[in-house]
Amino acid sequence: MRKTLTLCLSLLLLAALFAGCAGTPSPTPTAGITTAPPTEAPAAETPSAPPAGPEDTASPEEDHPAPTEQDSEISDEEFHCTISISCAMILNNMDKCDKNKRELVPEDGWLLQPVEVVFYGGESVFNVLQRTCRQKKIHMEFSNTPIYNSAYIEGIGNLYERDVGELSGWMYSVNGWFPNYGCGRYALKDGDVIEWVYTCDLGADVGDDYLAQIDE
């Protein structure tokens, strides 16, 4: 009897195990996490250029000319310009003027009143000054400065730099503008007005505001 009961229990256990194995779903492999491939970020837009300011809209005719080489080729074509030489500012600073030079200063300040002269294509302010002084028998002395590739005017009418203080000397303007390069590199155009002036204050007393602009 005991053997029969043991056998029945064994058969029931096997049947339960078989049923459990048959009903257990086969394990499903864990699916890897998939992500969509990253989309390429759109390229950044190139910022548009800012609106042009007044200085950007100026026409080439309104701009000041760039310096040229001092030994530019000269043509036979004739043009006209006006040139003058004034040391009138010394009259306001006679107390600073070298005593040996005071008698050289004209009463009206003019070494050469405005006069129209001929120049040739490619010539510079220096070319015109040199020829005019020779023709008018006005003393003029200069030196060449290789570092600036231009002539430097040391004296006109025997009035030299520093004759009226440490900040005195000769400057030139063309059409009212004082170039920041040597007179040998300013190529003239027909109708230009050249003014040579003697300054006693590094240009501030004759209308050159270059230093004032730097200070600002």
N, C-alpha and C. Protein backbone atom coordinates (compact mmCIF):
# COMPACT_ATOMS: atom_id res chain seq x y z
N MET A 1 0.83 -1.21 0.00
CA MET A 1 0.00 0.00 0.00
C MET A 1 0.86 1.25 0.00
N ARG A 2 1.93 1.18 0.83
CA ARG A 2 2.84 2.34 0.91
C ARG A 2 3.53 2.55 -0.41
N LYS A 3 3.91 1.49 -1.09
CA LYS A 3 4.60 1.59 -2.37
C LYS A 3 3.68 2.21 -3.42
N THR A 4 2.39 1.82 -3.35
CA THR A 4 1.42 2.34 -4.34
C THR A 4 1.24 3.82 -4.18
N LEU A 5 1.18 4.32 -2.92
CA LEU A 5 1.00 5.74 -2.63
C LEU A 5 2.21 6.53 -3.08
N THR A 6 3.36 5.97 -2.86
CA THR A 6 4.61 6.65 -3.26
C THR A 6 4.67 6.78 -4.76
N LEU A 7 4.25 5.75 -5.47
CA LEU A 7 4.28 5.77 -6.93
C LEU A 7 3.31 6.81 -7.46
N CYS A 8 2.14 6.94 -6.85
CA CYS A 8 1.14 7.94 -7.30
C CYS A 8 1.63 9.35 -7.13
N LEU A 9 2.26 9.58 -5.99
CA LEU A 9 2.81 10.93 -5.73
C LEU A 9 3.88 11.29 -6.73
N SER A 10 4.70 10.32 -7.07
CA SER A 10 5.78 10.57 -8.04
C SER A 10 5.19 10.92 -9.39
N LEU A 11 4.13 10.19 -9.80
CA LEU A 11 3.52 10.44 -11.10
C LEU A 11 2.89 11.84 -11.13
N LEU A 12 2.23 12.24 -10.03
CA LEU A 12 1.61 13.57 -9.97
C LEU A 12 2.67 14.68 -10.06
N LEU A 13 3.83 14.47 -9.37
CA LEU A 13 4.91 15.48 -9.39
C LEU A 13 5.47 15.65 -10.78
N LEU A 14 5.66 14.54 -11.47
CA LEU A 14 6.20 14.59 -12.84
C LEU A 14 5.21 15.30 -13.77
N ALA A 15 3.91 15.01 -13.57
CA ALA A 15 2.90 15.65 -14.43
C ALA A 15 2.87 17.15 -14.22
N ALA A 16 3.02 17.56 -12.93
CA ALA A 16 3.01 19.01 -12.63
C ALA A 16 4.22 19.70 -13.24
N LEU A 17 5.38 19.04 -13.12
CA LEU A 17 6.60 19.62 -13.70
C LEU A 17 6.49 19.73 -15.19
N PHE A 18 5.92 18.71 -15.83
CA PHE A 18 5.78 18.73 -17.29
C PHE A 18 4.86 19.83 -17.73
N ALA A 19 3.76 19.99 -16.98
CA ALA A 19 2.80 21.04 -17.34
C ALA A 19 3.43 22.40 -17.19
N GLY A 20 4.24 22.58 -16.09
CA GLY A 20 4.87 23.88 -15.88
C GLY A 20 5.86 24.20 -16.95
N CYS A 21 6.64 23.21 -17.39
CA CYS A 21 7.63 23.46 -18.45
C CYS A 21 6.97 23.78 -19.76
N ALA A 22 5.86 23.14 -20.04
CA ALA A 22 5.19 23.37 -21.31
C ALA A 22 4.57 24.73 -21.34
N GLY A 23 4.08 25.23 -20.16
CA GLY A 23 3.40 26.53 -20.17
C GLY A 23 4.31 27.71 -20.02
N THR A 24 5.58 27.51 -19.68
CA THR A 24 6.50 28.63 -19.50
C THR A 24 6.97 29.14 -20.84
N PRO A 25 6.70 30.40 -21.15
CA PRO A 25 7.14 30.91 -22.45
C PRO A 25 8.64 30.99 -22.52
N SER A 26 9.12 30.68 -23.69
CA SER A 26 10.58 30.75 -23.86
C SER A 26 11.01 32.19 -23.66
N PRO A 27 12.13 32.37 -22.99
CA PRO A 27 12.58 33.74 -22.72
C PRO A 27 12.84 34.51 -23.99
N THR A 28 12.33 35.71 -23.99
CA THR A 28 12.55 36.58 -25.15
C THR A 28 13.82 37.40 -24.93
N PRO A 29 14.76 37.37 -25.86
CA PRO A 29 15.99 38.15 -25.65
C PRO A 29 15.65 39.62 -25.47
N THR A 30 16.36 40.20 -24.52
CA THR A 30 16.10 41.62 -24.26
C THR A 30 16.46 42.45 -25.48
N ALA A 31 15.52 43.25 -25.94
CA ALA A 31 15.78 44.05 -27.14
C ALA A 31 16.67 45.22 -26.77
N GLY A 32 17.68 45.46 -27.58
CA GLY A 32 18.55 46.61 -27.33
C GLY A 32 17.79 47.90 -27.57
N ILE A 33 18.15 48.94 -26.81
CA ILE A 33 17.50 50.23 -26.98
C ILE A 33 17.99 50.85 -28.28
N THR A 34 17.07 51.11 -29.15
CA THR A 34 17.46 51.70 -30.43
C THR A 34 17.02 53.16 -30.44
N THR A 35 17.90 54.01 -30.95
CA THR A 35 17.57 55.43 -31.08
C THR A 35 17.77 55.83 -32.52
N ALA A 36 16.96 56.73 -32.93
CA ALA A 36 17.09 57.19 -34.30
C ALA A 36 18.44 57.87 -34.48
N PRO A 37 19.08 57.68 -35.61
CA PRO A 37 20.37 58.32 -35.81
C PRO A 37 20.23 59.83 -35.68
N PRO A 38 21.20 60.43 -34.99
CA PRO A 38 21.07 61.88 -34.77
C PRO A 38 21.04 62.63 -36.10
N THR A 39 20.10 63.51 -36.17
CA THR A 39 20.03 64.31 -37.40
C THR A 39 21.07 65.41 -37.34
N GLU A 40 21.63 65.73 -38.46
CA GLU A 40 22.69 66.73 -38.53
C GLU A 40 22.11 68.11 -38.22
N ALA A 41 22.76 68.79 -37.31
CA ALA A 41 22.27 70.12 -36.93
C ALA A 41 22.40 71.07 -38.10
N PRO A 42 21.42 71.92 -38.29
CA PRO A 42 21.51 72.85 -39.42
C PRO A 42 22.68 73.80 -39.23
N ALA A 43 23.33 74.10 -40.32
CA ALA A 43 24.49 75.01 -40.26
C ALA A 43 24.02 76.38 -39.84
N ALA A 44 24.87 77.02 -39.03
CA ALA A 44 24.51 78.37 -38.58
C ALA A 44 24.51 79.33 -39.75
N GLU A 45 23.58 80.22 -39.72
CA GLU A 45 23.49 81.18 -40.82
C GLU A 45 24.60 82.21 -40.70
N THR A 46 25.12 82.58 -41.84
CA THR A 46 26.12 83.64 -41.85
C THR A 46 25.43 84.95 -41.59
N PRO A 47 25.88 85.67 -40.56
CA PRO A 47 25.20 86.93 -40.27
C PRO A 47 25.32 87.89 -41.43
N SER A 48 24.27 88.58 -41.67
CA SER A 48 24.29 89.53 -42.77
C SER A 48 25.15 90.72 -42.38
N ALA A 49 25.72 91.38 -43.37
CA ALA A 49 26.58 92.52 -43.13
C ALA A 49 25.76 93.66 -42.55
N PRO A 50 26.35 94.40 -41.60
CA PRO A 50 25.61 95.53 -41.02
C PRO A 50 25.38 96.59 -42.07
N PRO A 51 24.35 97.37 -41.89
CA PRO A 51 24.10 98.42 -42.87
C PRO A 51 25.26 99.38 -42.95
N ALA A 52 25.53 99.85 -44.13
CA ALA A 52 26.67 100.73 -44.35
C ALA A 52 26.45 102.06 -43.65
N GLY A 53 27.53 102.54 -43.02
CA GLY A 53 27.49 103.84 -42.39
C GLY A 53 27.87 104.91 -43.39
N PRO A 54 27.85 106.16 -42.97
CA PRO A 54 28.17 107.26 -43.89
C PRO A 54 29.55 107.11 -44.50
N GLU A 55 30.53 106.57 -43.70
CA GLU A 55 31.87 106.46 -44.25
C GLU A 55 31.95 105.38 -45.31
N ASP A 56 31.02 104.43 -45.29
CA ASP A 56 31.05 103.35 -46.28
C ASP A 56 30.39 103.76 -47.60
N THR A 57 29.58 104.77 -47.56
CA THR A 57 28.85 105.14 -48.76
C THR A 57 29.52 106.28 -49.51
N ALA A 58 30.66 106.75 -48.99
CA ALA A 58 31.34 107.86 -49.66
C ALA A 58 31.86 107.39 -51.01
N SER A 59 31.69 108.21 -52.00
CA SER A 59 32.18 107.87 -53.32
C SER A 59 33.70 108.06 -53.36
N PRO A 60 34.40 107.36 -54.28
CA PRO A 60 35.85 107.50 -54.36
C PRO A 60 36.30 108.94 -54.52
N GLU A 61 35.49 109.77 -55.18
CA GLU A 61 35.88 111.16 -55.39
C GLU A 61 35.93 111.92 -54.08
N GLU A 62 35.17 111.45 -53.07
CA GLU A 62 35.14 112.14 -51.79
C GLU A 62 36.28 111.70 -50.88
N ASP A 63 36.91 110.60 -51.20
CA ASP A 63 38.00 110.10 -50.36
C ASP A 63 39.28 110.85 -50.68
N HIS A 64 40.15 110.90 -49.68
CA HIS A 64 41.45 111.51 -49.91
C HIS A 64 42.34 110.53 -50.66
N PRO A 65 43.18 111.04 -51.56
CA PRO A 65 44.02 110.13 -52.36
C PRO A 65 45.06 109.41 -51.52
N ALA A 66 45.35 108.19 -51.91
CA ALA A 66 46.39 107.42 -51.24
C ALA A 66 47.76 107.87 -51.73
N PRO A 67 48.79 107.72 -50.92
CA PRO A 67 50.13 108.12 -51.35
C PRO A 67 50.63 107.26 -52.51
N THR A 68 51.43 107.86 -53.36
CA THR A 68 52.02 107.15 -54.48
C THR A 68 53.53 107.06 -54.27
N GLU A 69 54.21 106.37 -55.16
CA GLU A 69 55.66 106.32 -55.09
C GLU A 69 56.23 107.69 -55.47
N GLN A 70 57.31 108.07 -54.79
CA GLN A 70 57.86 109.40 -55.02
C GLN A 70 58.38 109.58 -56.45
N ASP A 71 59.00 108.56 -56.98
CA ASP A 71 59.58 108.67 -58.32
C ASP A 71 58.62 108.11 -59.38
N SER A 72 57.43 108.65 -59.42
CA SER A 72 56.46 108.20 -60.41
C SER A 72 56.84 108.72 -61.79
N GLU A 73 56.35 108.02 -62.79
CA GLU A 73 56.66 108.42 -64.16
C GLU A 73 55.91 109.72 -64.50
N ILE A 74 56.62 110.65 -65.12
CA ILE A 74 56.06 111.95 -65.47
C ILE A 74 55.72 111.96 -66.96
N SER A 75 54.53 112.45 -67.29
CA SER A 75 54.10 112.54 -68.68
C SER A 75 54.27 113.97 -69.19
N ASP A 76 53.98 114.17 -70.48
CA ASP A 76 54.08 115.50 -71.08
C ASP A 76 52.76 116.27 -70.99
N GLU A 77 51.72 115.65 -70.48
CA GLU A 77 50.41 116.29 -70.41
C GLU A 77 50.40 117.39 -69.36
N GLU A 78 49.95 118.55 -69.74
CA GLU A 78 49.96 119.71 -68.84
C GLU A 78 48.64 119.87 -68.10
N PHE A 79 48.77 120.26 -66.83
CA PHE A 79 47.63 120.58 -65.99
C PHE A 79 47.94 121.87 -65.22
N HIS A 80 46.96 122.32 -64.45
CA HIS A 80 47.16 123.54 -63.68
C HIS A 80 46.77 123.33 -62.22
N CYS A 81 47.51 123.98 -61.35
CA CYS A 81 47.18 123.98 -59.92
C CYS A 81 47.55 125.34 -59.35
N THR A 82 47.15 125.58 -58.12
CA THR A 82 47.46 126.83 -57.44
C THR A 82 48.35 126.52 -56.24
N ILE A 83 49.38 127.34 -56.03
CA ILE A 83 50.28 127.14 -54.91
C ILE A 83 50.53 128.46 -54.19
N SER A 84 50.66 128.39 -52.89
CA SER A 84 50.98 129.57 -52.08
C SER A 84 51.89 129.15 -50.92
N ILE A 85 52.64 130.12 -50.38
CA ILE A 85 53.55 129.86 -49.25
C ILE A 85 53.36 130.98 -48.24
N SER A 86 52.94 130.61 -47.03
CA SER A 86 52.65 131.62 -46.00
C SER A 86 53.34 131.28 -44.68
N CYS A 87 53.91 132.32 -44.08
CA CYS A 87 54.46 132.18 -42.73
C CYS A 87 53.78 133.15 -41.78
N ALA A 88 52.52 133.47 -42.08
CA ALA A 88 51.77 134.47 -41.31
C ALA A 88 51.65 134.10 -39.85
N MET A 89 51.65 132.81 -39.53
CA MET A 89 51.48 132.41 -38.14
C MET A 89 52.66 132.87 -37.29
N ILE A 90 53.81 133.09 -37.91
CA ILE A 90 54.96 133.57 -37.14
C ILE A 90 54.67 134.97 -36.59
N LEU A 91 53.89 135.75 -37.32
CA LEU A 91 53.57 137.11 -36.87
C LEU A 91 52.88 137.11 -35.52
N ASN A 92 52.17 136.03 -35.21
CA ASN A 92 51.49 135.91 -33.92
C ASN A 92 52.40 135.34 -32.83
N ASN A 93 53.62 134.98 -33.23
CA ASN A 93 54.55 134.34 -32.29
C ASN A 93 55.96 134.92 -32.41
N MET A 94 56.04 136.21 -32.68
CA MET A 94 57.35 136.82 -32.88
C MET A 94 58.23 136.75 -31.63
N ASP A 95 57.61 136.67 -30.48
CA ASP A 95 58.40 136.56 -29.25
C ASP A 95 59.16 135.24 -29.17
N LYS A 96 58.66 134.21 -29.87
CA LYS A 96 59.32 132.91 -29.89
C LYS A 96 60.30 132.78 -31.05
N CYS A 97 60.20 133.68 -32.02
CA CYS A 97 61.00 133.57 -33.24
C CYS A 97 62.47 133.88 -32.96
N ASP A 98 63.32 133.09 -33.58
CA ASP A 98 64.76 133.34 -33.49
C ASP A 98 65.04 134.79 -33.90
N LYS A 99 65.77 135.50 -33.08
CA LYS A 99 66.02 136.92 -33.33
C LYS A 99 66.70 137.16 -34.68
N ASN A 100 67.52 136.21 -35.11
CA ASN A 100 68.21 136.36 -36.39
C ASN A 100 67.30 136.10 -37.59
N LYS A 101 66.08 135.62 -37.33
CA LYS A 101 65.16 135.28 -38.42
C LYS A 101 63.99 136.24 -38.53
N ARG A 102 63.82 137.10 -37.58
CA ARG A 102 62.64 137.97 -37.56
C ARG A 102 62.55 138.86 -38.79
N GLU A 103 63.68 139.34 -39.25
CA GLU A 103 63.67 140.23 -40.42
C GLU A 103 63.31 139.51 -41.71
N LEU A 104 63.31 138.18 -41.67
CA LEU A 104 62.96 137.40 -42.86
C LEU A 104 61.45 137.21 -43.01
N VAL A 105 60.71 137.55 -41.98
CA VAL A 105 59.25 137.35 -42.00
C VAL A 105 58.60 138.57 -42.66
N PRO A 106 57.95 138.39 -43.82
CA PRO A 106 57.27 139.51 -44.49
C PRO A 106 56.18 140.11 -43.60
N GLU A 107 55.93 141.39 -43.78
CA GLU A 107 54.93 142.07 -42.96
C GLU A 107 53.54 141.48 -43.13
N ASP A 108 53.25 141.01 -44.33
CA ASP A 108 51.92 140.41 -44.56
C ASP A 108 51.94 138.89 -44.43
N GLY A 109 53.09 138.31 -44.15
CA GLY A 109 53.19 136.87 -43.95
C GLY A 109 53.33 136.04 -45.20
N TRP A 110 53.26 136.67 -46.39
CA TRP A 110 53.32 135.91 -47.65
C TRP A 110 54.76 135.82 -48.16
N LEU A 111 55.21 134.59 -48.34
CA LEU A 111 56.44 134.37 -49.10
C LEU A 111 56.08 134.20 -50.57
N LEU A 112 54.88 133.70 -50.81
CA LEU A 112 54.36 133.58 -52.16
C LEU A 112 52.84 133.59 -52.08
N GLN A 113 52.25 134.63 -52.62
CA GLN A 113 50.79 134.69 -52.65
C GLN A 113 50.27 133.66 -53.66
N PRO A 114 49.00 133.25 -53.52
CA PRO A 114 48.47 132.20 -54.42
C PRO A 114 48.70 132.54 -55.88
N VAL A 115 49.26 131.58 -56.59
CA VAL A 115 49.56 131.75 -58.00
C VAL A 115 49.26 130.45 -58.73
N GLU A 116 48.73 130.55 -59.93
CA GLU A 116 48.44 129.36 -60.74
C GLU A 116 49.68 128.98 -61.52
N VAL A 117 50.02 127.71 -61.49
CA VAL A 117 51.21 127.21 -62.18
C VAL A 117 50.86 125.96 -62.98
N VAL A 118 51.75 125.62 -63.87
CA VAL A 118 51.59 124.41 -64.69
C VAL A 118 52.31 123.25 -64.02
N PHE A 119 51.71 122.08 -64.07
CA PHE A 119 52.42 120.87 -63.68
C PHE A 119 52.11 119.78 -64.69
N TYR A 120 52.83 118.69 -64.62
CA TYR A 120 52.72 117.62 -65.60
C TYR A 120 52.19 116.34 -64.95
N GLY A 121 51.51 115.56 -65.76
CA GLY A 121 50.90 114.34 -65.24
C GLY A 121 51.88 113.47 -64.48
N GLY A 122 51.52 113.10 -63.26
CA GLY A 122 52.38 112.26 -62.43
C GLY A 122 53.22 113.05 -61.44
N GLU A 123 53.23 114.38 -61.56
CA GLU A 123 54.05 115.18 -60.64
C GLU A 123 53.38 115.28 -59.27
N SER A 124 54.22 115.55 -58.29
CA SER A 124 53.76 115.62 -56.90
C SER A 124 53.80 117.06 -56.40
N VAL A 125 53.31 117.23 -55.18
CA VAL A 125 53.37 118.54 -54.52
C VAL A 125 54.82 118.99 -54.41
N PHE A 126 55.71 118.08 -54.13
CA PHE A 126 57.13 118.42 -54.02
C PHE A 126 57.68 118.94 -55.35
N ASN A 127 57.35 118.28 -56.43
CA ASN A 127 57.83 118.71 -57.75
C ASN A 127 57.42 120.15 -58.03
N VAL A 128 56.18 120.48 -57.73
CA VAL A 128 55.67 121.82 -57.99
C VAL A 128 56.33 122.85 -57.07
N LEU A 129 56.49 122.51 -55.80
CA LEU A 129 57.15 123.43 -54.87
C LEU A 129 58.59 123.71 -55.30
N GLN A 130 59.30 122.67 -55.64
CA GLN A 130 60.70 122.83 -56.02
C GLN A 130 60.85 123.70 -57.26
N ARG A 131 60.03 123.45 -58.27
CA ARG A 131 60.13 124.22 -59.51
C ARG A 131 59.68 125.67 -59.29
N THR A 132 58.61 125.85 -58.53
CA THR A 132 58.09 127.20 -58.30
C THR A 132 59.09 128.04 -57.51
N CYS A 133 59.69 127.46 -56.48
CA CYS A 133 60.69 128.20 -55.69
C CYS A 133 61.89 128.56 -56.55
N ARG A 134 62.27 127.67 -57.42
CA ARG A 134 63.40 127.97 -58.31
C ARG A 134 63.05 129.12 -59.26
N GLN A 135 61.86 129.06 -59.83
CA GLN A 135 61.44 130.10 -60.76
C GLN A 135 61.25 131.46 -60.08
N LYS A 136 60.74 131.43 -58.86
CA LYS A 136 60.46 132.67 -58.13
C LYS A 136 61.66 133.12 -57.28
N LYS A 137 62.74 132.35 -57.36
CA LYS A 137 63.96 132.65 -56.61
C LYS A 137 63.70 132.72 -55.10
N ILE A 138 62.96 131.75 -54.63
CA ILE A 138 62.68 131.61 -53.20
C ILE A 138 63.53 130.46 -52.66
N HIS A 139 64.25 130.73 -51.60
CA HIS A 139 65.08 129.68 -51.00
C HIS A 139 64.19 128.51 -50.54
N MET A 140 64.69 127.29 -50.78
CA MET A 140 64.00 126.09 -50.30
C MET A 140 65.03 125.00 -50.08
N GLU A 141 64.98 124.37 -48.93
CA GLU A 141 65.91 123.29 -48.61
C GLU A 141 65.13 122.08 -48.13
N PHE A 142 65.56 120.92 -48.59
CA PHE A 142 64.86 119.68 -48.23
C PHE A 142 65.86 118.57 -48.00
N SER A 143 65.38 117.49 -47.45
CA SER A 143 66.17 116.28 -47.29
C SER A 143 65.29 115.10 -47.66
N ASN A 144 65.92 114.05 -48.17
CA ASN A 144 65.18 112.83 -48.50
C ASN A 144 65.17 111.90 -47.30
N THR A 145 64.02 111.38 -46.98
CA THR A 145 63.88 110.46 -45.85
C THR A 145 63.46 109.09 -46.39
N PRO A 146 64.42 108.19 -46.55
CA PRO A 146 64.11 106.86 -47.11
C PRO A 146 63.03 106.12 -46.33
N ILE A 147 62.98 106.32 -45.01
CA ILE A 147 62.00 105.57 -44.23
C ILE A 147 60.58 105.94 -44.64
N TYR A 148 60.38 107.18 -45.11
CA TYR A 148 59.07 107.61 -45.58
C TYR A 148 58.99 107.65 -47.10
N ASN A 149 60.10 107.35 -47.75
CA ASN A 149 60.16 107.37 -49.22
C ASN A 149 59.64 108.70 -49.76
N SER A 150 60.10 109.79 -49.15
CA SER A 150 59.61 111.10 -49.56
C SER A 150 60.59 112.18 -49.14
N ALA A 151 60.44 113.35 -49.77
CA ALA A 151 61.25 114.50 -49.40
C ALA A 151 60.64 115.19 -48.19
N TYR A 152 61.51 115.72 -47.35
CA TYR A 152 61.06 116.47 -46.18
C TYR A 152 61.53 117.92 -46.32
N ILE A 153 60.60 118.86 -46.22
CA ILE A 153 60.94 120.27 -46.38
C ILE A 153 61.46 120.81 -45.06
N GLU A 154 62.74 121.17 -45.05
CA GLU A 154 63.37 121.69 -43.83
C GLU A 154 63.20 123.20 -43.70
N GLY A 155 63.30 123.92 -44.82
CA GLY A 155 63.20 125.36 -44.75
C GLY A 155 62.74 125.98 -46.05
N ILE A 156 62.00 127.07 -45.95
CA ILE A 156 61.59 127.86 -47.12
C ILE A 156 61.81 129.33 -46.74
N GLY A 157 62.40 130.09 -47.66
CA GLY A 157 62.66 131.49 -47.37
C GLY A 157 63.61 131.66 -46.19
N ASN A 158 64.51 130.67 -46.00
CA ASN A 158 65.46 130.65 -44.89
C ASN A 158 64.80 130.57 -43.51
N LEU A 159 63.56 130.21 -43.49
CA LEU A 159 62.85 129.94 -42.24
C LEU A 159 62.76 128.42 -42.08
N TYR A 160 63.36 127.92 -40.99
CA TYR A 160 63.48 126.48 -40.81
C TYR A 160 62.60 125.98 -39.65
N GLU A 161 62.51 124.67 -39.60
CA GLU A 161 61.82 124.05 -38.47
C GLU A 161 62.52 124.45 -37.17
N ARG A 162 61.72 124.64 -36.13
CA ARG A 162 62.19 124.99 -34.78
C ARG A 162 62.74 126.42 -34.70
N ASP A 163 62.57 127.22 -35.74
CA ASP A 163 62.97 128.62 -35.65
C ASP A 163 62.01 129.42 -34.76
N VAL A 164 60.81 128.87 -34.54
CA VAL A 164 59.81 129.55 -33.69
C VAL A 164 59.30 128.55 -32.65
N GLY A 165 60.21 127.91 -31.99
CA GLY A 165 59.84 126.94 -30.97
C GLY A 165 59.98 125.50 -31.44
N GLU A 166 59.93 124.59 -30.49
CA GLU A 166 60.14 123.17 -30.78
C GLU A 166 59.06 122.56 -31.66
N LEU A 167 57.88 123.16 -31.68
CA LEU A 167 56.77 122.59 -32.44
C LEU A 167 56.56 123.31 -33.77
N SER A 168 57.53 124.05 -34.21
CA SER A 168 57.36 124.84 -35.44
C SER A 168 58.00 124.16 -36.65
N GLY A 169 57.48 124.49 -37.81
CA GLY A 169 58.00 123.94 -39.06
C GLY A 169 57.00 124.10 -40.19
N TRP A 170 57.35 123.56 -41.35
CA TRP A 170 56.52 123.71 -42.55
C TRP A 170 55.58 122.52 -42.72
N MET A 171 54.35 122.84 -43.13
CA MET A 171 53.35 121.83 -43.45
C MET A 171 52.69 122.20 -44.77
N TYR A 172 52.05 121.23 -45.39
CA TYR A 172 51.32 121.52 -46.62
C TYR A 172 49.91 120.94 -46.55
N SER A 173 49.02 121.57 -47.28
CA SER A 173 47.66 121.05 -47.43
C SER A 173 47.29 121.10 -48.91
N VAL A 174 46.38 120.22 -49.29
CA VAL A 174 45.86 120.22 -50.66
C VAL A 174 44.35 120.25 -50.56
N ASN A 175 43.76 121.28 -51.14
CA ASN A 175 42.31 121.45 -51.09
C ASN A 175 41.79 121.46 -49.65
N GLY A 176 42.60 122.03 -48.74
CA GLY A 176 42.19 122.17 -47.36
C GLY A 176 42.48 120.98 -46.47
N TRP A 177 43.05 119.91 -47.03
CA TRP A 177 43.35 118.70 -46.25
C TRP A 177 44.85 118.59 -46.04
N PHE A 178 45.25 118.27 -44.81
CA PHE A 178 46.66 118.08 -44.48
C PHE A 178 46.98 116.59 -44.56
N PRO A 179 47.66 116.15 -45.60
CA PRO A 179 47.99 114.72 -45.72
C PRO A 179 48.94 114.28 -44.61
N ASN A 180 48.84 113.00 -44.25
CA ASN A 180 49.74 112.45 -43.23
C ASN A 180 50.89 111.68 -43.86
N TYR A 181 51.29 112.09 -45.05
CA TYR A 181 52.47 111.50 -45.72
C TYR A 181 53.21 112.61 -46.46
N GLY A 182 54.42 112.31 -46.88
CA GLY A 182 55.31 113.31 -47.45
C GLY A 182 54.81 113.93 -48.75
N CYS A 183 55.25 115.17 -48.99
CA CYS A 183 54.79 115.91 -50.17
C CYS A 183 55.27 115.27 -51.48
N GLY A 184 56.30 114.45 -51.42
CA GLY A 184 56.78 113.77 -52.62
C GLY A 184 55.90 112.61 -53.04
N ARG A 185 54.91 112.26 -52.22
CA ARG A 185 54.05 111.13 -52.51
C ARG A 185 52.61 111.53 -52.78
N TYR A 186 52.38 112.85 -52.86
CA TYR A 186 51.02 113.32 -53.17
C TYR A 186 50.97 113.65 -54.66
N ALA A 187 50.31 112.80 -55.44
CA ALA A 187 50.16 113.02 -56.88
C ALA A 187 49.04 114.01 -57.13
N LEU A 188 49.35 115.08 -57.85
CA LEU A 188 48.38 116.16 -58.06
C LEU A 188 47.36 115.84 -59.13
N LYS A 189 46.22 116.50 -59.00
CA LYS A 189 45.17 116.45 -60.02
C LYS A 189 44.92 117.87 -60.50
N ASP A 190 44.38 117.97 -61.70
CA ASP A 190 44.11 119.28 -62.27
C ASP A 190 43.20 120.09 -61.36
N GLY A 191 43.59 121.34 -61.10
CA GLY A 191 42.78 122.22 -60.28
C GLY A 191 43.06 122.17 -58.79
N ASP A 192 44.00 121.34 -58.35
CA ASP A 192 44.32 121.25 -56.93
C ASP A 192 44.86 122.59 -56.40
N VAL A 193 44.60 122.83 -55.12
CA VAL A 193 45.09 124.05 -54.46
C VAL A 193 46.07 123.63 -53.36
N ILE A 194 47.34 123.99 -53.55
CA ILE A 194 48.40 123.64 -52.60
C ILE A 194 48.69 124.85 -51.72
N GLU A 195 48.73 124.62 -50.41
CA GLU A 195 49.08 125.68 -49.47
C GLU A 195 50.20 125.21 -48.56
N TRP A 196 51.33 125.92 -48.61
CA TRP A 196 52.42 125.67 -47.68
C TRP A 196 52.31 126.70 -46.56
N VAL A 197 52.27 126.23 -45.33
CA VAL A 197 52.10 127.13 -44.19
C VAL A 197 53.12 126.78 -43.11
N TYR A 198 53.55 127.81 -42.40
CA TYR A 198 54.47 127.61 -41.29
C TYR A 198 53.64 127.53 -40.01
N THR A 199 53.79 126.41 -39.28
CA THR A 199 53.06 126.22 -38.03
C THR A 199 53.98 126.45 -36.84
N CYS A 200 53.42 126.99 -35.79
CA CYS A 200 54.16 127.17 -34.54
C CYS A 200 53.68 126.24 -33.45
N ASP A 201 52.68 125.40 -33.78
CA ASP A 201 52.09 124.50 -32.79
C ASP A 201 51.75 123.15 -33.39
N LEU A 202 52.66 122.60 -34.16
CA LEU A 202 52.50 121.26 -34.73
C LEU A 202 51.21 121.10 -35.52
N GLY A 203 50.79 122.18 -36.18
CA GLY A 203 49.63 122.10 -37.07
C GLY A 203 48.33 122.60 -36.47
N ALA A 204 48.22 122.61 -35.13
CA ALA A 204 46.96 122.99 -34.50
C ALA A 204 46.57 124.43 -34.80
N ASP A 205 47.57 125.29 -35.04
CA ASP A 205 47.29 126.71 -35.27
C ASP A 205 47.01 127.04 -36.73
N VAL A 206 47.13 126.05 -37.61
CA VAL A 206 46.90 126.31 -39.04
C VAL A 206 45.75 125.46 -39.60
N GLY A 207 45.04 124.79 -38.71
CA GLY A 207 43.86 124.05 -39.16
C GLY A 207 44.02 122.56 -39.28
N ASP A 208 45.18 122.02 -38.90
CA ASP A 208 45.34 120.56 -38.96
C ASP A 208 44.88 119.96 -37.63
N ASP A 209 43.78 119.17 -37.65
CA ASP A 209 43.24 118.59 -36.43
C ASP A 209 43.64 117.14 -36.25
N TYR A 210 44.71 116.71 -36.89
CA TYR A 210 45.11 115.30 -36.83
C TYR A 210 45.40 114.86 -35.40
N LEU A 211 46.18 115.66 -34.66
CA LEU A 211 46.52 115.30 -33.29
C LEU A 211 45.28 115.33 -32.40
N ALA A 212 44.39 116.28 -32.66
CA ALA A 212 43.17 116.35 -31.86
C ALA A 212 42.32 115.10 -32.04
N GLN A 213 42.28 114.56 -33.26
CA GLN A 213 41.50 113.34 -33.52
C GLN A 213 42.12 112.15 -32.80
N ILE A 214 43.46 112.12 -32.72
CA ILE A 214 44.12 111.02 -32.01
C ILE A 214 43.78 111.08 -30.52
N ASP A 215 43.78 112.28 -29.94
CA ASP A 215 43.48 112.44 -28.53
C ASP A 215 42.07 111.98 -28.21
N GLU A 216 41.14 112.18 -29.16
CA GLU A 216 39.76 111.76 -28.93
C GLU A 216 39.63 110.25 -28.96
